[in-house]
């Protein structure tokens, strides 16, 4: 009986400490990646990867923002991610290409007018400038970023992912708990299918930022715990 009670109490404690705001807080389709001299299967060590994107939806706790407001742009910009080079895994016809990056920053913007454009061959007059004009809603540091591609998927698909630590912006309090800024994950699928690309970009990306904001554990009495199981 004591063991059963201990397990029940432990399970309840975990439930009470469940994330307060978990899940996608920002979605986009599309974002585009660019890096000098890069191909889908090879990145040169020391190169800098940059990403520009247009946000298509917001989730809790930022659901009050309207990504479809015709008078505003909601955009993001990642920069400063330095390539460690590409690792090839497997033999031809079943190869994976994994590129890891060191460092990086992200900024999420709200701007007027709605003017962000993916002009070809960045950097240029509009990229990244039309993605970085306006108010910085969120800013943070990026770590553990990587891309994974291959030589065998029919529609040339892979994925990209990295961790975000929020450090600033006018809305940082929405993505913070009593322990400080919440951890976040930049993630999603990418493609290098030629008909879906714009000249000068190596990947098109559809993705999201997942937020994992824990709430503090609430204290309870054993009587209250038992009442939940009656």
C-alpha atoms as a PDB file:
ATOM      1  CA  UNK A   1       0.000   0.000   0.000  1.00  0.00           C
ATOM      2  CA  UNK A   2       2.813   2.428   0.855  1.00  0.00           C
ATOM      3  CA  UNK A   3       4.471   1.770  -2.493  1.00  0.00           C
ATOM      4  CA  UNK A   4       1.189   2.346  -4.314  1.00  0.00           C
ATOM      5  CA  UNK A   5       0.646   5.618  -2.453  1.00  0.00           C
ATOM      6  CA  UNK A   6       4.175   6.754  -3.208  1.00  0.00           C
ATOM      7  CA  UNK A   7       3.725   6.072  -6.932  1.00  0.00           C
ATOM      8  CA  UNK A   8       0.380   7.870  -6.962  1.00  0.00           C
ATOM      9  CA  UNK A   9       1.868  10.882  -5.213  1.00  0.00           C
ATOM     10  CA  UNK A  10       4.820  10.950  -7.612  1.00  0.00           C
ATOM     11  CA  UNK A  11       2.571  10.783 -10.680  1.00  0.00           C
ATOM     12  CA  UNK A  12       0.414  13.586  -9.332  1.00  0.00           C
ATOM     13  CA  UNK A  13       3.441  15.733  -8.580  1.00  0.00           C
ATOM     14  CA  UNK A  14       4.587  15.324 -12.186  1.00  0.00           C
ATOM     15  CA  UNK A  15       1.120  16.255 -13.450  1.00  0.00           C
ATOM     16  CA  UNK A  16       1.032  19.347 -11.271  1.00  0.00           C
ATOM     17  CA  UNK A  17       4.385  20.439 -12.693  1.00  0.00           C
ATOM     18  CA  UNK A  18       3.332  19.924 -16.320  1.00  0.00           C
ATOM     19  CA  UNK A  19       4.170  22.674 -18.819  1.00  0.00           C
ATOM     20  CA  UNK A  20       1.986  25.749 -18.580  1.00  0.00           C
ATOM     21  CA  UNK A  21       2.511  26.736 -22.235  1.00  0.00           C
ATOM     22  CA  UNK A  22       3.753  23.844 -24.357  1.00  0.00           C
ATOM     23  CA  UNK A  23       3.524  23.425 -28.100  1.00  0.00           C
ATOM     24  CA  UNK A  24       3.948  25.565 -31.202  1.00  0.00           C
ATOM     25  CA  UNK A  25       3.988  29.263 -30.386  1.00  0.00           C
ATOM     26  CA  UNK A  26       5.089  30.388 -33.879  1.00  0.00           C
ATOM     27  CA  UNK A  27       4.461  28.721 -37.271  1.00  0.00           C
ATOM     28  CA  UNK A  28       5.711  29.622 -40.725  1.00  0.00           C
ATOM     29  CA  UNK A  29       5.516  28.599 -44.348  1.00  0.00           C
ATOM     30  CA  UNK A  30       7.890  29.504 -45.803  1.00  0.00           C
ATOM     31  CA  UNK A  31      11.336  30.404 -44.586  1.00  0.00           C
ATOM     32  CA  UNK A  32      14.421  30.325 -46.790  1.00  0.00           C
ATOM     33  CA  UNK A  33      18.039  29.483 -45.924  1.00  0.00           C
ATOM     34  CA  UNK A  34      21.073  31.021 -47.598  1.00  0.00           C
ATOM     35  CA  UNK A  35      24.813  30.519 -47.210  1.00  0.00           C
ATOM     36  CA  UNK A  36      27.683  31.322 -49.607  1.00  0.00           C
ATOM     37  CA  UNK A  37      28.934  28.354 -51.624  1.00  0.00           C
ATOM     38  CA  UNK A  38      26.607  25.833 -49.964  1.00  0.00           C
ATOM     39  CA  UNK A  39      24.807  22.920 -51.649  1.00  0.00           C
ATOM     40  CA  UNK A  40      22.223  20.611 -50.140  1.00  0.00           C
ATOM     41  CA  UNK A  41      24.973  18.063 -49.493  1.00  0.00           C
ATOM     42  CA  UNK A  42      27.948  20.234 -48.582  1.00  0.00           C
ATOM     43  CA  UNK A  43      28.598  23.255 -46.395  1.00  0.00           C
ATOM     44  CA  UNK A  44      32.026  24.842 -46.145  1.00  0.00           C
ATOM     45  CA  UNK A  45      33.437  25.092 -42.599  1.00  0.00           C
ATOM     46  CA  UNK A  46      33.417  28.684 -41.387  1.00  0.00           C
ATOM     47  CA  UNK A  47      30.504  29.750 -43.586  1.00  0.00           C
ATOM     48  CA  UNK A  48      27.609  31.640 -42.017  1.00  0.00           C
ATOM     49  CA  UNK A  49      24.073  30.334 -42.486  1.00  0.00           C
ATOM     50  CA  UNK A  50      21.215  32.865 -42.456  1.00  0.00           C
ATOM     51  CA  UNK A  51      17.464  32.290 -42.460  1.00  0.00           C
ATOM     52  CA  UNK A  52      14.590  34.658 -43.239  1.00  0.00           C
ATOM     53  CA  UNK A  53      10.958  33.737 -42.717  1.00  0.00           C
ATOM     54  CA  UNK A  54       7.400  35.060 -42.736  1.00  0.00           C
ATOM     55  CA  UNK A  55       5.255  33.959 -39.796  1.00  0.00           C
ATOM     56  CA  UNK A  56       1.877  32.472 -40.751  1.00  0.00           C
ATOM     57  CA  UNK A  57       0.334  31.784 -37.318  1.00  0.00           C
ATOM     58  CA  UNK A  58       0.796  32.306 -33.585  1.00  0.00           C
ATOM     59  CA  UNK A  59      -0.196  29.890 -30.832  1.00  0.00           C
ATOM     60  CA  UNK A  60      -0.621  30.295 -27.067  1.00  0.00           C
ATOM     61  CA  UNK A  61       0.486  32.400 -25.297  1.00  0.00           C
ATOM     62  CA  UNK A  62       0.936  34.699 -28.336  1.00  0.00           C
ATOM     63  CA  UNK A  63      -2.423  33.905 -29.919  1.00  0.00           C
ATOM     64  CA  UNK A  64      -3.477  37.542 -29.578  1.00  0.00           C
ATOM     65  CA  UNK A  65      -1.158  38.391 -32.492  1.00  0.00           C
ATOM     66  CA  UNK A  66      -2.748  38.204 -35.949  1.00  0.00           C
ATOM     67  CA  UNK A  67      -0.207  36.982 -38.482  1.00  0.00           C
ATOM     68  CA  UNK A  68      -2.730  37.690 -41.278  1.00  0.00           C
ATOM     69  CA  UNK A  69      -3.137  41.379 -40.458  1.00  0.00           C
ATOM     70  CA  UNK A  70      -2.780  43.043 -43.884  1.00  0.00           C
ATOM     71  CA  UNK A  71      -1.182  46.118 -42.358  1.00  0.00           C
ATOM     72  CA  UNK A  72       1.637  44.292 -40.542  1.00  0.00           C
ATOM     73  CA  UNK A  73       4.560  41.985 -41.186  1.00  0.00           C
ATOM     74  CA  UNK A  74       5.526  39.279 -38.702  1.00  0.00           C
ATOM     75  CA  UNK A  75       8.939  37.978 -39.664  1.00  0.00           C
ATOM     76  CA  UNK A  76      12.057  36.373 -38.228  1.00  0.00           C
ATOM     77  CA  UNK A  77      15.752  36.371 -38.951  1.00  0.00           C
ATOM     78  CA  UNK A  78      18.440  33.909 -37.875  1.00  0.00           C
ATOM     79  CA  UNK A  79      22.103  34.776 -38.376  1.00  0.00           C
ATOM     80  CA  UNK A  80      25.562  34.109 -36.992  1.00  0.00           C
ATOM     81  CA  UNK A  81      25.328  30.316 -37.303  1.00  0.00           C
ATOM     82  CA  UNK A  82      28.807  29.196 -38.304  1.00  0.00           C
ATOM     83  CA  UNK A  83      29.174  25.931 -40.215  1.00  0.00           C
ATOM     84  CA  UNK A  84      31.264  23.085 -38.839  1.00  0.00           C
ATOM     85  CA  UNK A  85      31.176  21.411 -42.251  1.00  0.00           C
ATOM     86  CA  UNK A  86      29.077  18.509 -43.490  1.00  0.00           C
ATOM     87  CA  UNK A  87      29.347  14.890 -42.355  1.00  0.00           C
ATOM     88  CA  UNK A  88      28.387  12.212 -44.885  1.00  0.00           C
ATOM     89  CA  UNK A  89      26.777   9.067 -43.473  1.00  0.00           C
ATOM     90  CA  UNK A  90      26.187   5.931 -45.568  1.00  0.00           C
ATOM     91  CA  UNK A  91      26.925   4.917 -49.143  1.00  0.00           C
ATOM     92  CA  UNK A  92      25.729   6.501 -52.395  1.00  0.00           C
ATOM     93  CA  UNK A  93      21.995   6.095 -52.861  1.00  0.00           C
ATOM     94  CA  UNK A  94      21.358   5.925 -49.124  1.00  0.00           C
ATOM     95  CA  UNK A  95      23.423   8.807 -47.807  1.00  0.00           C
ATOM     96  CA  UNK A  96      22.575  11.349 -45.142  1.00  0.00           C
ATOM     97  CA  UNK A  97      24.326  14.746 -45.034  1.00  0.00           C
ATOM     98  CA  UNK A  98      24.418  16.332 -41.590  1.00  0.00           C
ATOM     99  CA  UNK A  99      25.733  19.858 -41.098  1.00  0.00           C
ATOM    100  CA  UNK A 100      26.069  21.298 -37.608  1.00  0.00           C
ATOM    101  CA  UNK A 101      26.429  24.970 -36.760  1.00  0.00           C
ATOM    102  CA  UNK A 102      27.931  26.846 -33.841  1.00  0.00           C
ATOM    103  CA  UNK A 103      26.315  29.911 -32.315  1.00  0.00           C
ATOM    104  CA  UNK A 104      23.657  32.126 -33.809  1.00  0.00           C
ATOM    105  CA  UNK A 105      20.898  34.542 -32.886  1.00  0.00           C
ATOM    106  CA  UNK A 106      17.212  34.915 -33.724  1.00  0.00           C
ATOM    107  CA  UNK A 107      14.939  37.951 -33.789  1.00  0.00           C
ATOM    108  CA  UNK A 108      11.166  38.010 -34.303  1.00  0.00           C
ATOM    109  CA  UNK A 109       9.764  41.279 -35.687  1.00  0.00           C
ATOM    110  CA  UNK A 110       6.463  43.105 -36.041  1.00  0.00           C
ATOM    111  CA  UNK A 111       6.641  45.762 -38.735  1.00  0.00           C
ATOM    112  CA  UNK A 112       4.531  48.054 -40.890  1.00  0.00           C
ATOM    113  CA  UNK A 113       3.916  47.938 -43.829  1.00  0.00           C
ATOM    114  CA  UNK A 114       3.635  44.313 -44.929  1.00  0.00           C
ATOM    115  CA  UNK A 115       6.678  44.395 -47.190  1.00  0.00           C
ATOM    116  CA  UNK A 116       8.853  41.288 -46.613  1.00  0.00           C
ATOM    117  CA  UNK A 117       9.971  39.704 -49.896  1.00  0.00           C
ATOM    118  CA  UNK A 118      12.261  36.775 -50.722  1.00  0.00           C
ATOM    119  CA  UNK A 119      14.213  38.504 -53.465  1.00  0.00           C
ATOM    120  CA  UNK A 120      16.673  36.246 -55.335  1.00  0.00           C
ATOM    121  CA  UNK A 121      20.367  36.008 -54.561  1.00  0.00           C
ATOM    122  CA  UNK A 122      20.654  37.423 -51.055  1.00  0.00           C
ATOM    123  CA  UNK A 123      21.999  39.459 -49.459  1.00  0.00           C
ATOM    124  CA  UNK A 124      20.415  42.250 -51.463  1.00  0.00           C
ATOM    125  CA  UNK A 125      18.384  45.438 -51.035  1.00  0.00           C
ATOM    126  CA  UNK A 126      15.399  43.586 -49.525  1.00  0.00           C
ATOM    127  CA  UNK A 127      16.959  40.553 -47.856  1.00  0.00           C
ATOM    128  CA  UNK A 128      17.352  40.616 -44.949  1.00  0.00           C
ATOM    129  CA  UNK A 129      16.305  44.283 -44.527  1.00  0.00           C
ATOM    130  CA  UNK A 130      12.554  43.770 -45.094  1.00  0.00           C
ATOM    131  CA  UNK A 131      12.602  40.985 -42.503  1.00  0.00           C
ATOM    132  CA  UNK A 132      14.355  43.072 -39.838  1.00  0.00           C
ATOM    133  CA  UNK A 133      12.431  46.344 -39.878  1.00  0.00           C
ATOM    134  CA  UNK A 134      10.036  47.063 -37.045  1.00  0.00           C
ATOM    135  CA  UNK A 135       9.752  46.192 -33.359  1.00  0.00           C
ATOM    136  CA  UNK A 136      11.713  43.265 -31.930  1.00  0.00           C
ATOM    137  CA  UNK A 137       9.074  41.099 -30.245  1.00  0.00           C
ATOM    138  CA  UNK A 138      11.509  38.353 -29.280  1.00  0.00           C
ATOM    139  CA  UNK A 139      15.263  37.864 -29.466  1.00  0.00           C
ATOM    140  CA  UNK A 140      17.436  34.987 -28.391  1.00  0.00           C
ATOM    141  CA  UNK A 141      20.507  32.848 -28.801  1.00  0.00           C
ATOM    142  CA  UNK A 142      20.576  29.748 -30.993  1.00  0.00           C
ATOM    143  CA  UNK A 143      22.522  26.591 -30.127  1.00  0.00           C
ATOM    144  CA  UNK A 144      22.833  23.065 -31.455  1.00  0.00           C
ATOM    145  CA  UNK A 145      21.522  24.010 -34.902  1.00  0.00           C
ATOM    146  CA  UNK A 146      21.811  21.412 -37.664  1.00  0.00           C
ATOM    147  CA  UNK A 147      20.434  20.481 -41.069  1.00  0.00           C
ATOM    148  CA  UNK A 148      19.937  16.910 -42.255  1.00  0.00           C
ATOM    149  CA  UNK A 149      19.528  16.103 -45.962  1.00  0.00           C
ATOM    150  CA  UNK A 150      19.958  12.991 -48.128  1.00  0.00           C
ATOM    151  CA  UNK A 151      20.369  11.652 -51.672  1.00  0.00           C
ATOM    152  CA  UNK A 152      17.340   9.349 -51.824  1.00  0.00           C
ATOM    153  CA  UNK A 153      14.036  11.097 -51.015  1.00  0.00           C
ATOM    154  CA  UNK A 154      11.878  11.604 -54.118  1.00  0.00           C
ATOM    155  CA  UNK A 155      10.911  15.170 -53.289  1.00  0.00           C
ATOM    156  CA  UNK A 156      14.295  16.087 -51.756  1.00  0.00           C
ATOM    157  CA  UNK A 157      13.170  16.522 -48.173  1.00  0.00           C
ATOM    158  CA  UNK A 158      15.028  16.701 -44.877  1.00  0.00           C
ATOM    159  CA  UNK A 159      14.867  18.589 -41.608  1.00  0.00           C
ATOM    160  CA  UNK A 160      16.465  21.380 -39.603  1.00  0.00           C
ATOM    161  CA  UNK A 161      16.444  21.986 -35.882  1.00  0.00           C
ATOM    162  CA  UNK A 162      18.038  24.100 -33.166  1.00  0.00           C
ATOM    163  CA  UNK A 163      17.545  25.231 -29.590  1.00  0.00           C
ATOM    164  CA  UNK A 164      16.587  28.785 -28.632  1.00  0.00           C
ATOM    165  CA  UNK A 165      17.243  30.613 -25.372  1.00  0.00           C
ATOM    166  CA  UNK A 166      15.171  33.797 -25.284  1.00  0.00           C
ATOM    167  CA  UNK A 167      17.059  36.858 -24.055  1.00  0.00           C
ATOM    168  CA  UNK A 168      14.920  39.883 -24.914  1.00  0.00           C
ATOM    169  CA  UNK A 169      12.171  41.534 -26.903  1.00  0.00           C
ATOM    170  CA  UNK A 170       8.949  43.282 -25.915  1.00  0.00           C
ATOM    171  CA  UNK A 171       7.074  39.976 -25.476  1.00  0.00           C
ATOM    172  CA  UNK A 172       9.705  37.942 -23.624  1.00  0.00           C
ATOM    173  CA  UNK A 173       7.558  37.923 -20.467  1.00  0.00           C
ATOM    174  CA  UNK A 174       4.951  35.840 -22.312  1.00  0.00           C
ATOM    175  CA  UNK A 175       7.544  33.109 -22.844  1.00  0.00           C
ATOM    176  CA  UNK A 176       8.930  33.169 -19.327  1.00  0.00           C
ATOM    177  CA  UNK A 177       8.099  31.443 -16.069  1.00  0.00           C
ATOM    178  CA  UNK A 178       9.137  32.109 -12.486  1.00  0.00           C
ATOM    179  CA  UNK A 179      12.397  30.331 -13.375  1.00  0.00           C
ATOM    180  CA  UNK A 180      13.155  32.745 -16.234  1.00  0.00           C
ATOM    181  CA  UNK A 181      12.858  32.546 -20.042  1.00  0.00           C
ATOM    182  CA  UNK A 182      11.476  29.205 -21.226  1.00  0.00           C
ATOM    183  CA  UNK A 183      13.428  26.864 -23.508  1.00  0.00           C
ATOM    184  CA  UNK A 184      12.273  26.733 -27.115  1.00  0.00           C
ATOM    185  CA  UNK A 185      12.908  24.589 -30.176  1.00  0.00           C
ATOM    186  CA  UNK A 186      13.209  25.737 -33.806  1.00  0.00           C
ATOM    187  CA  UNK A 187      12.167  22.746 -35.905  1.00  0.00           C
ATOM    188  CA  UNK A 188      10.545  21.620 -39.143  1.00  0.00           C
ATOM    189  CA  UNK A 189      11.001  20.130 -42.582  1.00  0.00           C
ATOM    190  CA  UNK A 190      13.056  21.493 -45.440  1.00  0.00           C
ATOM    191  CA  UNK A 191      13.310  20.853 -49.165  1.00  0.00           C
ATOM    192  CA  UNK A 192      15.815  21.581 -51.905  1.00  0.00           C
ATOM    193  CA  UNK A 193      13.452  20.562 -54.708  1.00  0.00           C
ATOM    194  CA  UNK A 194      14.398  22.898 -57.583  1.00  0.00           C
ATOM    195  CA  UNK A 195      10.882  24.045 -58.493  1.00  0.00           C
ATOM    196  CA  UNK A 196      10.256  25.127 -54.885  1.00  0.00           C
ATOM    197  CA  UNK A 197      13.434  27.178 -54.497  1.00  0.00           C
ATOM    198  CA  UNK A 198      14.276  30.774 -55.335  1.00  0.00           C
ATOM    199  CA  UNK A 199      17.698  31.422 -56.913  1.00  0.00           C
ATOM    200  CA  UNK A 200      20.340  32.062 -54.293  1.00  0.00           C
ATOM    201  CA  UNK A 201      18.643  30.058 -51.514  1.00  0.00           C
ATOM    202  CA  UNK A 202      19.643  26.517 -50.628  1.00  0.00           C
ATOM    203  CA  UNK A 203      16.559  25.386 -48.665  1.00  0.00           C
ATOM    204  CA  UNK A 204      12.891  26.165 -48.285  1.00  0.00           C
ATOM    205  CA  UNK A 205      11.630  25.441 -44.775  1.00  0.00           C
ATOM    206  CA  UNK A 206       8.205  24.877 -43.247  1.00  0.00           C
ATOM    207  CA  UNK A 207       8.393  24.870 -39.478  1.00  0.00           C
ATOM    208  CA  UNK A 208       7.568  26.137 -36.046  1.00  0.00           C
ATOM    209  CA  UNK A 209       8.979  27.191 -32.711  1.00  0.00           C
ATOM    210  CA  UNK A 210       7.875  24.954 -29.853  1.00  0.00           C
ATOM    211  CA  UNK A 211       7.713  26.536 -26.429  1.00  0.00           C
ATOM    212  CA  UNK A 212       8.207  24.516 -23.239  1.00  0.00           C
ATOM    213  CA  UNK A 213       7.356  26.727 -20.303  1.00  0.00           C
ATOM    214  CA  UNK A 214       7.064  24.830 -16.994  1.00  0.00           C
ATOM    215  CA  UNK A 215       4.742  25.972 -14.249  1.00  0.00           C
ATOM    216  CA  UNK A 216       5.859  25.731 -10.639  1.00  0.00           C
ATOM    217  CA  UNK A 217       4.845  22.603  -8.704  1.00  0.00           C
ATOM    218  CA  UNK A 218       1.766  23.214  -6.587  1.00  0.00           C
ATOM    219  CA  UNK A 219       1.716  21.882  -3.042  1.00  0.00           C
ATOM    220  CA  UNK A 220      -1.184  19.703  -1.935  1.00  0.00           C
ATOM    221  CA  UNK A 221      -2.329  17.681   1.063  1.00  0.00           C
ATOM    222  CA  UNK A 222      -2.532  13.892   1.096  1.00  0.00           C
ATOM    223  CA  UNK A 223      -6.281  14.209   1.715  1.00  0.00           C
ATOM    224  CA  UNK A 224      -6.685  16.266  -1.449  1.00  0.00           C
ATOM    225  CA  UNK A 225      -4.637  13.750  -3.417  1.00  0.00           C
ATOM    226  CA  UNK A 226      -6.783  10.834  -2.187  1.00  0.00           C
ATOM    227  CA  UNK A 227      -9.984  12.680  -3.048  1.00  0.00           C
ATOM    228  CA  UNK A 228      -8.967  12.718  -6.709  1.00  0.00           C
ATOM    229  CA  UNK A 229      -9.152   8.921  -6.825  1.00  0.00           C
ATOM    230  CA  UNK A 230     -12.517   8.428  -5.075  1.00  0.00           C
END
